[in-house]
Amino acid sequence: MISLFHIAALAVGLGTGTVSDVAVAESQPSDVATRCDVLAADPADTTRPEHVAGVDIHLINSGEAIAACEAAVAVSPGDARLQFQLGRAFESAGQYARALTWYLKAADESQARAISSVGTFYEDGNAVPQDLDAAAHWYERAASLGDRTAMYNRGLLYDEGDGHSIDYAKAMEWYRKAAALGDPDAMNNIGILYENGQGVNADIVEAFRWYSKGASAGSPVAINNVAIMYDDGTGGVQADPEKAFELHLNAAELGNSDGMYDTGVMYENGKGVPRNYAEAVRWYQAAAEQDHAEATNSLGLMYQRGLGVEKNYRKALELFRRADELGAPDAAFNLGTMYQLGYGVKQDYAQAMNLFRLSASENLPAAMNSLGNLYQHGLGTPPDIQQAIDWYRKAADGDNAEAALNLGAIYRQGLGVMKDERAAFDWYAKASDLGNPAGDVGMAELYDHGQTIQRDTGEAVDRMLKALATGEPAALDALFNRWASWSEDFRSRLQDRLKAKGLLKGDKSDAMTPALESVLKSLLDQNTP
């Protein structure tokens, strides 16, 4: 649930309260009240002096702010704004009971931000037992005084069903009130409701409009949501990876952990920006430091694979465990893989199977495929080809390309099923469609020398060259180690295609010559990621 800390934090990157602002103001002559304002004013407080920007609660110098605001309150004991700011100073120091005391004093004087802060304390259970009904009461009281943050937080209680059943229509009602007063997070959440069709008819274009409004108003979350739409080409805009990257980076630089993670993903994949594994690691690390589950998991993968950082299985294992604690859906699967392969830990197929089962229960197709592998090869369990087939099917139904490839091999060889080249071909085709070029290799072999598939040597050559062009090692294995199994027509046409591309010189040969071997290796190496 959103907290006062989070609401205030959104102002940091917008020039509404930074350490430099504090330093400038401190250098000017001021009375005790002004010093309290400079050190502890809330950027969202409309009663603060116009010349004071306000300070995000995480950036408050607690010791100085407490001293300044205590002095100010001593001089002006009935000033609700100063009382509220003293409460903020104590809250920034983690002294919640003392903070609540001052919030309640200011609330008695109808200070809207103080009233809203009391609501947040009840919502989060700070210095009082958690009481969501009480939180709602305080938020509504602050909202009646025009506090937009309280309106937003009241909407969030309805949105998430905290304290009562979920009511998206009422959430929308409160968000609209807050948005009308310029609350950027409310604008973002209106976009979410439109995107998901919650409380309103789904309207992705209207969602984009509200995300854009929130982004323009300075919400890092909204900025990142606009980036996602440019990344996916939804919301009525054309896909624009470069624009998406720019916006993800903007959100990241404003401290949004999702933006940090998405920036890392784009650097890792080279989408919208040249691939840079070191930068991917840097942004994953930044997001992981904010306990972003997926970023922590991705950082573990970078350590596991040695991408952008020195390979370190123990570090990867530590990160996968942390990501699992944080709820990353792939983390248990990645831990299982570490146990299966003995990376950073003693090899333990039984533990791997337990972890794969856990991930499979969360409907992760990759884990289902790995369970199939363990059953097929009798690792950590007696061999059971039928169990393997069942798990492969579940994984393939979830669009796991490797599982489709495994089913292709099973039907081609007749393992636990009747040999069926047509079924094998169809599974290879699905693997190819899902982006696994090893499926193209299987299709090429069946096109060229299958027993029941209509021969199409030209298509076989096309499929093999496609696999080579993606850097698929299975293509080289099929050619080098099974060259004699390919038809004479295939071998001739493949060399013709390579000669036409200017890659192969000299006469064609029925044998795998050193020249042909060199060309094929270089072709694979050029395209290996």
Protein backbone atom coordinates (compact mmCIF):
# COMPACT_ATOMS: atom_id res chain seq x y z
CA MET A 1 0.00 0.00 0.00
CA ILE A 2 1.18 3.52 -0.77
CA SER A 3 2.72 5.41 2.11
CA LEU A 4 3.30 9.06 2.86
CA PHE A 5 6.95 8.42 2.11
CA HIS A 6 6.10 7.27 -1.40
CA ILE A 7 3.78 10.18 -2.13
CA ALA A 8 6.40 12.68 -1.09
CA ALA A 9 9.16 10.90 -2.98
CA LEU A 10 7.51 11.61 -6.30
CA ALA A 11 8.40 15.26 -5.94
CA VAL A 12 12.14 14.69 -5.77
CA GLY A 13 12.93 14.67 -9.46
CA LEU A 14 10.52 17.50 -10.24
CA GLY A 15 12.47 20.31 -8.64
CA THR A 16 10.04 20.53 -5.76
CA GLY A 17 12.46 19.81 -2.96
CA THR A 18 16.10 18.79 -3.11
CA VAL A 19 19.14 18.99 -0.91
CA SER A 20 20.45 21.85 -3.07
CA ASP A 21 17.22 23.80 -2.44
CA VAL A 22 17.86 23.38 1.26
CA ALA A 23 21.45 24.50 0.99
CA VAL A 24 20.52 27.68 -0.92
CA ALA A 25 17.80 28.64 1.51
CA GLU A 26 19.96 27.91 4.54
CA SER A 27 22.53 30.39 3.31
CA GLN A 28 19.96 33.23 3.49
CA PRO A 29 19.11 35.13 6.69
CA SER A 30 15.95 33.70 8.19
CA ASP A 31 13.97 33.55 11.39
CA VAL A 32 13.28 30.28 13.20
CA ALA A 33 9.99 29.63 11.36
CA THR A 34 11.65 30.04 7.98
CA ARG A 35 14.43 27.68 9.00
CA CYS A 36 11.82 25.05 9.97
CA ASP A 37 10.07 25.63 6.63
CA VAL A 38 13.29 25.22 4.68
CA LEU A 39 14.29 22.04 6.50
CA ALA A 40 10.94 20.24 6.82
CA ALA A 41 8.18 21.72 4.64
CA ASP A 42 6.14 19.21 2.64
CA PRO A 43 6.22 19.81 -1.14
CA ALA A 44 2.52 18.82 -1.23
CA ASP A 45 1.52 21.29 1.51
CA THR A 46 -0.33 24.21 -0.05
CA THR A 47 0.10 26.24 3.16
CA ARG A 48 3.90 26.36 2.93
CA PRO A 49 5.43 29.75 2.02
CA GLU A 50 5.61 30.31 -1.73
CA HIS A 51 9.38 30.77 -1.70
CA VAL A 52 9.92 27.37 -0.03
CA ALA A 53 10.02 24.35 -2.34
CA GLY A 54 9.64 21.72 0.34
CA VAL A 55 11.81 18.68 1.05
CA ASP A 56 11.15 15.03 0.34
CA ILE A 57 10.89 13.26 3.67
CA HIS A 58 13.78 10.94 2.80
CA LEU A 59 16.05 13.96 2.30
CA ILE A 60 15.25 15.70 5.57
CA ASN A 61 18.23 16.22 7.86
CA SER A 62 16.41 14.87 10.89
CA GLY A 63 18.62 16.34 13.59
CA GLU A 64 18.69 19.85 12.16
CA ALA A 65 15.00 19.79 11.25
CA ILE A 66 13.90 18.63 14.70
CA ALA A 67 15.97 21.33 16.39
CA ALA A 68 14.76 24.06 14.03
CA CYS A 69 11.10 23.09 14.19
CA GLU A 70 11.10 22.65 17.97
CA ALA A 71 12.49 26.17 18.21
CA ALA A 72 9.88 27.45 15.77
CA VAL A 73 7.00 25.78 17.63
CA ALA A 74 8.29 27.20 20.90
CA VAL A 75 8.07 30.69 19.42
CA SER A 76 4.72 30.05 17.66
CA PRO A 77 3.04 27.25 19.65
CA GLY A 78 -0.28 27.52 17.81
CA ASP A 79 1.08 27.43 14.26
CA ALA A 80 -0.35 24.25 12.68
CA ARG A 81 2.06 24.30 9.75
CA LEU A 82 5.08 24.33 12.04
CA GLN A 83 3.55 21.60 14.20
CA PHE A 84 3.03 19.46 11.10
CA GLN A 85 6.60 20.07 9.97
CA LEU A 86 7.93 19.06 13.38
CA GLY A 87 5.95 15.85 12.96
CA ARG A 88 7.60 15.32 9.56
CA ALA A 89 11.02 15.86 11.12
CA PHE A 90 10.32 13.22 13.77
CA GLU A 91 8.88 10.85 11.14
CA SER A 92 12.02 11.21 9.03
CA ALA A 93 14.00 10.12 12.10
CA GLY A 94 11.78 7.08 12.59
CA GLN A 95 10.35 8.50 15.82
CA TYR A 96 6.78 7.65 14.90
CA ALA A 97 5.13 8.16 18.29
CA ARG A 98 6.48 11.70 18.59
CA ALA A 99 5.61 12.37 14.95
CA LEU A 100 2.02 11.27 15.54
CA THR A 101 1.74 13.53 18.58
CA TRP A 102 2.57 16.57 16.47
CA TYR A 103 0.45 15.45 13.53
CA LEU A 104 -2.54 15.20 15.87
CA LYS A 105 -1.86 18.67 17.30
CA ALA A 106 -1.77 20.10 13.78
CA ALA A 107 -4.83 18.07 12.82
CA ASP A 108 -6.74 19.69 15.68
CA GLU A 109 -6.08 22.97 13.86
CA SER A 110 -7.44 21.47 10.58
CA GLN A 111 -4.02 21.24 8.91
CA ALA A 112 -4.92 19.07 5.89
CA ARG A 113 -1.51 17.47 5.32
CA ALA A 114 -1.25 16.56 9.00
CA ILE A 115 -4.71 14.98 8.91
CA SER A 116 -3.70 12.96 5.83
CA SER A 117 -0.49 11.90 7.58
CA VAL A 118 -2.47 10.57 10.54
CA GLY A 119 -4.41 8.48 8.02
CA THR A 120 -1.17 7.09 6.65
CA PHE A 121 -0.02 6.17 10.16
CA TYR A 122 -3.24 4.22 10.71
CA GLU A 123 -2.92 2.57 7.30
CA ASP A 124 0.67 1.48 7.89
CA GLY A 125 0.38 0.80 11.62
CA ASN A 126 3.01 3.36 12.63
CA ALA A 127 2.76 4.24 16.36
CA VAL A 128 -0.83 2.93 16.37
CA PRO A 129 -2.37 -0.46 15.61
CA GLN A 130 -3.17 -0.74 11.92
CA ASP A 131 -6.76 0.36 11.37
CA LEU A 132 -7.87 0.78 7.77
CA ASP A 133 -11.29 2.11 8.71
CA ALA A 134 -9.62 4.82 10.75
CA ALA A 135 -7.23 5.52 7.87
CA ALA A 136 -10.19 5.96 5.52
CA HIS A 137 -11.83 8.33 8.01
CA TRP A 138 -8.72 10.52 8.28
CA TYR A 139 -8.19 10.52 4.51
CA GLU A 140 -11.78 11.61 3.92
CA ARG A 141 -11.42 14.36 6.51
CA ALA A 142 -8.25 15.64 4.81
CA ALA A 143 -9.87 15.31 1.40
CA SER A 144 -12.77 17.49 2.54
CA LEU A 145 -10.16 20.20 3.14
CA GLY A 146 -8.84 19.82 -0.41
CA ASP A 147 -5.83 17.57 0.20
CA ARG A 148 -5.25 15.77 -3.09
CA THR A 149 -2.86 13.20 -1.61
CA ALA A 150 -5.57 12.12 0.82
CA MET A 151 -7.99 11.79 -2.11
CA TYR A 152 -5.48 9.61 -3.91
CA ASN A 153 -4.86 7.44 -0.86
CA ARG A 154 -8.61 7.06 -0.27
CA GLY A 155 -8.98 5.88 -3.85
CA LEU A 156 -6.13 3.44 -3.36
CA LEU A 157 -7.92 1.80 -0.44
CA TYR A 158 -10.89 1.12 -2.72
CA ASP A 159 -8.58 0.06 -5.57
CA GLU A 160 -6.74 -2.55 -3.51
CA GLY A 161 -9.60 -3.59 -1.25
CA ASP A 162 -7.89 -2.57 1.97
CA GLY A 163 -10.43 -2.29 4.77
CA HIS A 164 -13.35 -3.20 2.54
CA SER A 165 -14.11 -4.98 -0.70
CA ILE A 166 -12.51 -3.75 -3.91
CA ASP A 167 -14.61 -1.07 -5.59
CA TYR A 168 -12.98 0.19 -8.77
CA ALA A 169 -15.78 2.65 -9.51
CA LYS A 170 -15.28 4.39 -6.16
CA ALA A 171 -11.51 4.24 -6.63
CA MET A 172 -11.97 6.00 -9.97
CA GLU A 173 -14.19 8.61 -8.32
CA TRP A 174 -11.50 9.47 -5.77
CA TYR A 175 -8.69 9.36 -8.32
CA ARG A 176 -10.60 11.81 -10.54
CA LYS A 177 -10.97 14.22 -7.60
CA ALA A 178 -7.23 14.04 -6.93
CA ALA A 179 -6.37 14.32 -10.62
CA ALA A 180 -8.52 17.43 -10.96
CA LEU A 181 -6.22 19.02 -8.38
CA GLY A 182 -3.14 17.94 -10.35
CA ASP A 183 -2.13 14.75 -8.55
CA PRO A 184 0.12 12.88 -11.02
CA ASP A 185 -0.22 9.48 -9.35
CA ALA A 186 -3.99 9.68 -9.50
CA MET A 187 -3.69 10.38 -13.23
CA ASN A 188 -1.49 7.32 -13.59
CA ASN A 189 -3.93 5.11 -11.70
CA ILE A 190 -6.84 6.31 -13.81
CA GLY A 191 -4.78 5.10 -16.76
CA ILE A 192 -4.33 1.71 -15.11
CA LEU A 193 -8.07 1.36 -14.55
CA TYR A 194 -8.76 2.20 -18.19
CA GLU A 195 -6.07 -0.21 -19.40
CA ASN A 196 -7.44 -3.06 -17.29
CA GLY A 197 -11.12 -2.22 -17.73
CA GLN A 198 -11.65 -1.91 -13.99
CA GLY A 199 -14.64 0.23 -13.03
CA VAL A 200 -14.82 1.46 -16.62
CA ASN A 201 -14.86 -0.09 -20.08
CA ALA A 202 -11.34 -1.02 -21.15
CA ASP A 203 -9.89 1.73 -23.35
CA ILE A 204 -6.19 1.50 -24.09
CA VAL A 205 -6.13 4.85 -25.91
CA GLU A 206 -7.73 6.57 -22.92
CA ALA A 207 -5.22 4.78 -20.70
CA PHE A 208 -2.37 6.22 -22.76
CA ARG A 209 -3.91 9.69 -22.48
CA TRP A 210 -4.01 9.49 -18.70
CA TYR A 211 -0.53 8.01 -18.45
CA SER A 212 0.68 10.91 -20.58
CA LYS A 213 -1.08 13.41 -18.31
CA GLY A 214 0.52 11.81 -15.27
CA ALA A 215 3.91 11.82 -16.96
CA SER A 216 3.58 15.50 -17.86
CA ALA A 217 2.66 16.20 -14.24
CA GLY A 218 5.86 14.47 -13.14
CA SER A 219 4.91 10.94 -12.05
CA PRO A 220 7.86 8.60 -12.66
CA VAL A 221 5.43 5.66 -12.61
CA ALA A 222 3.34 7.26 -15.36
CA ILE A 223 6.46 8.07 -17.37
CA ASN A 224 7.42 4.41 -17.24
CA ASN A 225 3.92 3.32 -18.26
CA VAL A 226 4.07 5.61 -21.30
CA ALA A 227 7.44 4.00 -22.09
CA ILE A 228 5.87 0.54 -21.96
CA MET A 229 3.24 1.60 -24.49
CA TYR A 230 5.90 2.92 -26.86
CA ASP A 231 7.81 -0.31 -26.33
CA ASP A 232 4.77 -2.46 -27.15
CA GLY A 233 3.18 -0.17 -29.73
CA THR A 234 -0.13 0.06 -27.85
CA GLY A 235 -2.38 2.89 -26.74
CA GLY A 236 -2.73 4.24 -30.26
CA VAL A 237 0.99 4.85 -30.76
CA GLN A 238 3.44 3.12 -33.06
CA ALA A 239 6.16 1.01 -31.48
CA ASP A 240 9.19 3.21 -30.94
CA PRO A 241 11.98 1.43 -29.03
CA GLU A 242 14.20 4.51 -28.97
CA LYS A 243 11.43 6.64 -27.47
CA ALA A 244 10.60 3.84 -25.04
CA PHE A 245 14.22 3.65 -23.89
CA GLU A 246 14.39 7.41 -23.42
CA LEU A 247 11.30 7.36 -21.22
CA HIS A 248 12.35 4.27 -19.23
CA LEU A 249 15.67 6.00 -18.55
CA ASN A 250 13.87 9.18 -17.51
CA ALA A 251 11.75 7.23 -15.02
CA ALA A 252 14.85 5.40 -13.78
CA GLU A 253 16.75 8.62 -13.20
CA LEU A 254 13.79 9.89 -11.17
CA GLY A 255 14.21 6.88 -8.87
CA ASN A 256 11.47 4.60 -10.20
CA SER A 257 12.56 0.99 -9.68
CA ASP A 258 10.42 -0.33 -12.55
CA GLY A 259 12.08 2.22 -14.81
CA MET A 260 15.50 1.06 -13.61
CA TYR A 261 14.60 -2.55 -14.31
CA ASP A 262 13.15 -1.79 -17.75
CA THR A 263 16.20 0.29 -18.63
CA GLY A 264 18.37 -2.68 -17.70
CA VAL A 265 16.26 -4.98 -19.87
CA MET A 266 16.64 -2.69 -22.88
CA TYR A 267 20.41 -2.46 -22.38
CA GLU A 268 20.64 -6.25 -22.02
CA ASN A 269 18.60 -6.91 -25.16
CA GLY A 270 19.98 -4.03 -27.21
CA LYS A 271 16.47 -2.71 -27.82
CA GLY A 272 16.19 1.02 -28.42
CA VAL A 273 19.83 1.39 -27.43
CA PRO A 274 23.07 -0.47 -28.31
CA ARG A 275 23.47 -3.61 -26.20
CA ASN A 276 25.55 -2.91 -23.12
CA TYR A 277 25.69 -5.63 -20.50
CA ALA A 278 27.63 -3.49 -18.03
CA GLU A 279 24.92 -0.82 -18.12
CA ALA A 280 22.27 -3.52 -17.77
CA VAL A 281 24.02 -4.76 -14.62
CA ARG A 282 24.25 -1.21 -13.28
CA TRP A 283 20.52 -0.59 -13.63
CA TYR A 284 19.53 -4.04 -12.37
CA GLN A 285 21.71 -3.39 -9.33
CA ALA A 286 20.08 0.00 -8.73
CA ALA A 287 16.60 -1.54 -8.88
CA ALA A 288 17.66 -4.52 -6.75
CA GLU A 289 18.81 -2.10 -4.06
CA GLN A 290 15.16 -1.01 -3.91
CA ASP A 291 14.09 -4.66 -3.51
CA HIS A 292 12.75 -4.94 -7.05
CA ALA A 293 12.12 -8.68 -7.38
CA GLU A 294 12.54 -9.07 -11.16
CA ALA A 295 15.64 -6.89 -11.22
CA THR A 296 17.21 -8.96 -8.44
CA ASN A 297 16.47 -12.10 -10.43
CA SER A 298 17.88 -10.59 -13.64
CA LEU A 299 21.01 -9.49 -11.80
CA GLY A 300 21.43 -13.09 -10.66
CA LEU A 301 21.23 -14.23 -14.28
CA MET A 302 23.94 -11.75 -15.27
CA TYR A 303 26.23 -13.17 -12.57
CA GLN A 304 25.30 -16.71 -13.58
CA ARG A 305 26.17 -16.07 -17.23
CA GLY A 306 29.05 -13.64 -16.71
CA LEU A 307 27.40 -10.86 -18.73
CA GLY A 308 28.62 -7.37 -17.86
CA VAL A 309 30.19 -8.75 -14.71
CA GLU A 310 32.60 -11.53 -13.80
CA LYS A 311 30.82 -14.88 -13.61
CA ASN A 312 30.07 -15.71 -9.99
CA TYR A 313 27.77 -18.65 -9.24
CA ARG A 314 27.68 -18.03 -5.51
CA LYS A 315 26.61 -14.43 -6.04
CA ALA A 316 24.00 -15.61 -8.55
CA LEU A 317 22.69 -18.13 -6.03
CA GLU A 318 22.44 -15.44 -3.35
CA LEU A 319 20.53 -13.14 -5.70
CA PHE A 320 18.13 -15.87 -6.85
CA ARG A 321 17.35 -16.68 -3.21
CA ARG A 322 16.71 -13.03 -2.45
CA ALA A 323 14.57 -12.66 -5.60
CA ASP A 324 12.55 -15.69 -4.53
CA GLU A 325 11.94 -14.09 -1.12
CA LEU A 326 10.76 -10.95 -2.93
CA GLY A 327 8.35 -12.96 -5.07
CA ALA A 328 10.04 -13.04 -8.48
CA PRO A 329 8.18 -15.74 -10.42
CA ASP A 330 11.31 -17.09 -12.17
CA ALA A 331 13.61 -17.13 -9.15
CA ALA A 332 12.71 -20.61 -7.84
CA PHE A 333 13.18 -21.96 -11.36
CA ASN A 334 16.62 -20.34 -11.61
CA LEU A 335 17.54 -21.77 -8.21
CA GLY A 336 16.43 -25.17 -9.45
CA THR A 337 18.67 -24.82 -12.48
CA MET A 338 21.63 -24.04 -10.19
CA TYR A 339 20.96 -27.23 -8.21
CA GLN A 340 20.42 -29.23 -11.39
CA LEU A 341 23.76 -28.13 -12.85
CA GLY A 342 25.69 -27.87 -9.58
CA TYR A 343 26.48 -24.18 -10.08
CA GLY A 344 27.63 -22.59 -6.82
CA VAL A 345 26.11 -25.47 -4.86
CA LYS A 346 26.43 -29.24 -4.67
CA GLN A 347 24.49 -30.85 -7.52
CA ASP A 348 21.16 -32.05 -6.18
CA TYR A 349 18.55 -33.28 -8.66
CA ALA A 350 15.96 -33.91 -5.95
CA GLN A 351 16.20 -30.31 -4.75
CA ALA A 352 16.09 -29.12 -8.35
CA MET A 353 12.90 -31.11 -8.88
CA ASN A 354 11.34 -29.59 -5.75
CA LEU A 355 12.12 -26.09 -6.96
CA PHE A 356 10.90 -26.83 -10.49
CA ARG A 357 7.65 -28.17 -9.05
CA LEU A 358 7.25 -25.00 -7.02
CA SER A 359 7.72 -22.86 -10.13
CA ALA A 360 5.50 -25.13 -12.22
CA SER A 361 2.73 -24.69 -9.65
CA GLU A 362 2.99 -20.98 -10.46
CA ASN A 363 2.40 -21.84 -14.13
CA LEU A 364 5.96 -21.17 -15.30
CA PRO A 365 6.39 -23.09 -18.59
CA ALA A 366 10.19 -23.20 -18.36
CA ALA A 367 9.93 -25.06 -15.04
CA MET A 368 7.48 -27.53 -16.58
CA ASN A 369 9.97 -28.19 -19.36
CA SER A 370 12.76 -28.77 -16.84
CA LEU A 371 10.57 -31.23 -14.94
CA GLY A 372 10.06 -33.05 -18.22
CA ASN A 373 13.82 -33.25 -18.68
CA LEU A 374 14.36 -34.73 -15.24
CA TYR A 375 11.66 -37.35 -15.80
CA GLN A 376 12.91 -38.19 -19.30
CA HIS A 377 16.49 -38.73 -18.19
CA GLY A 378 15.79 -40.16 -14.73
CA LEU A 379 17.52 -37.41 -12.78
CA GLY A 380 16.39 -37.25 -9.17
CA THR A 381 13.59 -39.66 -10.02
CA PRO A 382 13.18 -42.96 -11.87
CA PRO A 383 12.87 -42.41 -15.65
CA ASP A 384 9.26 -41.88 -16.70
CA ILE A 385 8.78 -40.93 -20.34
CA GLN A 386 5.02 -40.50 -19.95
CA GLN A 387 5.50 -38.01 -17.12
CA ALA A 388 8.11 -36.29 -19.27
CA ILE A 389 5.70 -36.03 -22.19
CA ASP A 390 2.95 -34.70 -19.93
CA TRP A 391 5.19 -31.96 -18.58
CA TYR A 392 6.56 -31.11 -22.02
CA ARG A 393 3.00 -30.75 -23.32
CA LYS A 394 2.04 -28.43 -20.46
CA ALA A 395 5.13 -26.34 -21.11
CA ALA A 396 4.58 -26.26 -24.88
CA ASP A 397 0.95 -25.28 -24.33
CA GLY A 398 2.41 -22.34 -22.43
CA ASP A 399 4.50 -21.47 -25.51
CA ASN A 400 7.80 -22.81 -24.23
CA ALA A 401 9.90 -23.31 -27.37
CA GLU A 402 12.32 -25.80 -25.82
CA ALA A 403 9.45 -28.04 -24.74
CA ALA A 404 8.04 -27.99 -28.27
CA LEU A 405 11.50 -28.96 -29.54
CA ASN A 406 11.70 -31.82 -27.02
CA LEU A 407 8.31 -33.12 -28.13
CA GLY A 408 9.48 -32.97 -31.73
CA ALA A 409 12.44 -35.20 -30.87
CA ILE A 410 10.25 -37.61 -28.87
CA TYR A 411 7.78 -38.10 -31.73
CA ARG A 412 10.55 -38.34 -34.31
CA GLN A 413 12.32 -41.07 -32.35
CA GLY A 414 9.16 -42.74 -31.02
CA LEU A 415 10.06 -42.44 -27.34
CA GLY A 416 7.06 -43.59 -25.31
CA VAL A 417 4.80 -42.88 -28.27
CA MET A 418 4.36 -44.22 -31.78
CA LYS A 419 6.93 -42.72 -34.12
CA ASP A 420 5.15 -39.90 -35.95
CA GLU A 421 7.12 -37.61 -38.27
CA ARG A 422 4.11 -35.40 -38.96
CA ALA A 423 3.65 -34.74 -35.23
CA ALA A 424 7.40 -34.21 -34.90
CA PHE A 425 7.34 -31.74 -37.81
CA ASP A 426 4.47 -29.81 -36.24
CA TRP A 427 6.26 -29.55 -32.90
CA TYR A 428 9.47 -28.43 -34.62
CA ALA A 429 7.43 -25.81 -36.49
CA LYS A 430 5.98 -24.55 -33.21
CA ALA A 431 9.46 -24.32 -31.71
CA SER A 432 10.56 -22.30 -34.73
CA ASP A 433 7.53 -20.02 -34.51
CA LEU A 434 8.35 -19.43 -30.84
CA GLY A 435 11.86 -18.32 -31.75
CA ASN A 436 13.95 -21.47 -31.27
CA PRO A 437 15.99 -21.98 -34.47
CA ALA A 438 16.75 -25.58 -33.49
CA GLY A 439 13.18 -26.17 -34.64
CA ASP A 440 14.25 -25.06 -38.12
CA VAL A 441 17.05 -27.63 -38.05
CA GLY A 442 14.56 -30.39 -37.22
CA MET A 443 12.24 -29.23 -39.99
CA ALA A 444 15.15 -29.09 -42.46
CA GLU A 445 16.09 -32.70 -41.69
CA LEU A 446 12.51 -33.89 -42.18
CA TYR A 447 12.12 -31.89 -45.38
CA ASP A 448 15.30 -33.43 -46.76
CA HIS A 449 15.36 -37.02 -45.56
CA GLY A 450 12.19 -37.71 -43.59
CA GLN A 451 10.24 -40.84 -44.42
CA THR A 452 6.70 -39.44 -44.45
CA ILE A 453 7.15 -35.68 -44.96
CA GLN A 454 7.01 -34.52 -48.58
CA ARG A 455 10.55 -33.76 -49.68
CA ASP A 456 11.36 -30.10 -50.28
CA THR A 457 15.11 -29.64 -50.54
CA GLY A 458 14.87 -25.93 -51.23
CA GLU A 459 12.89 -25.39 -48.05
CA ALA A 460 15.36 -27.58 -46.16
CA VAL A 461 18.24 -25.36 -47.29
CA ASP A 462 16.28 -22.22 -46.38
CA ARG A 463 15.56 -23.54 -42.89
CA MET A 464 19.17 -24.54 -42.30
CA LEU A 465 20.51 -21.17 -43.43
CA LYS A 466 17.95 -19.44 -41.21
CA ALA A 467 19.21 -21.44 -38.23
CA LEU A 468 22.83 -20.62 -39.06
CA ALA A 469 21.91 -16.95 -39.41
CA THR A 470 20.70 -16.90 -35.81
CA GLY A 471 23.84 -18.54 -34.45
CA GLU A 472 22.13 -21.86 -33.64
CA PRO A 473 24.80 -24.47 -32.70
CA ALA A 474 22.43 -27.34 -33.57
CA ALA A 475 22.67 -26.28 -37.22
CA LEU A 476 26.42 -26.74 -37.26
CA ASP A 477 26.14 -30.06 -35.42
CA ALA A 478 23.60 -31.34 -37.97
CA LEU A 479 25.89 -30.42 -40.85
CA PHE A 480 29.28 -31.38 -39.43
CA ASN A 481 28.33 -34.60 -37.67
CA ARG A 482 25.60 -35.78 -40.01
CA TRP A 483 26.79 -34.45 -43.36
CA ALA A 484 26.48 -37.83 -45.06
CA SER A 485 22.83 -38.13 -43.99
CA TRP A 486 21.86 -35.13 -46.10
CA SER A 487 20.75 -35.76 -49.67
CA GLU A 488 23.12 -35.02 -52.53
CA ASP A 489 20.65 -32.40 -53.75
CA PHE A 490 20.70 -30.65 -50.35
CA ARG A 491 24.50 -30.60 -50.18
CA SER A 492 24.70 -29.21 -53.69
CA ARG A 493 22.05 -26.52 -53.14
CA LEU A 494 23.55 -25.42 -49.85
CA GLN A 495 26.91 -24.86 -51.51
CA ASP A 496 25.23 -23.05 -54.42
CA ARG A 497 23.61 -20.65 -51.97
CA LEU A 498 26.89 -20.02 -50.17
CA LYS A 499 28.66 -19.42 -53.48
CA ALA A 500 25.90 -17.03 -54.59
CA LYS A 501 26.50 -15.03 -51.42
CA GLY A 502 30.22 -14.89 -52.22
CA LEU A 503 31.05 -16.87 -49.11
CA LEU A 504 32.31 -20.08 -50.72
CA LYS A 505 34.97 -20.13 -53.42
CA GLY A 506 36.04 -22.91 -55.78
CA ASP A 507 34.24 -26.04 -56.92
CA LYS A 508 31.48 -27.76 -54.99
CA SER A 509 32.28 -31.00 -53.23
CA ASP A 510 30.22 -33.93 -52.04
CA ALA A 511 32.40 -34.05 -48.91
CA MET A 512 32.67 -31.63 -46.01
CA THR A 513 35.81 -29.80 -47.13
CA PRO A 514 37.94 -27.58 -44.90
CA ALA A 515 36.83 -24.58 -46.98
CA LEU A 516 33.13 -25.40 -46.50
CA GLU A 517 33.67 -26.11 -42.81
CA SER A 518 35.39 -22.74 -42.38
CA VAL A 519 32.57 -20.87 -44.13
CA LEU A 520 29.89 -22.55 -42.02
CA LYS A 521 31.78 -21.88 -38.78
CA SER A 522 32.34 -18.23 -39.66
CA LEU A 523 28.67 -17.84 -40.60
CA LEU A 524 27.64 -19.24 -37.23
CA ASP A 525 30.20 -17.18 -35.31
CA GLN A 526 29.09 -13.95 -36.98
CA ASN A 527 25.55 -14.47 -35.78
CA THR A 528 26.13 -15.93 -32.33
CA PRO A 529 24.82 -13.42 -29.75
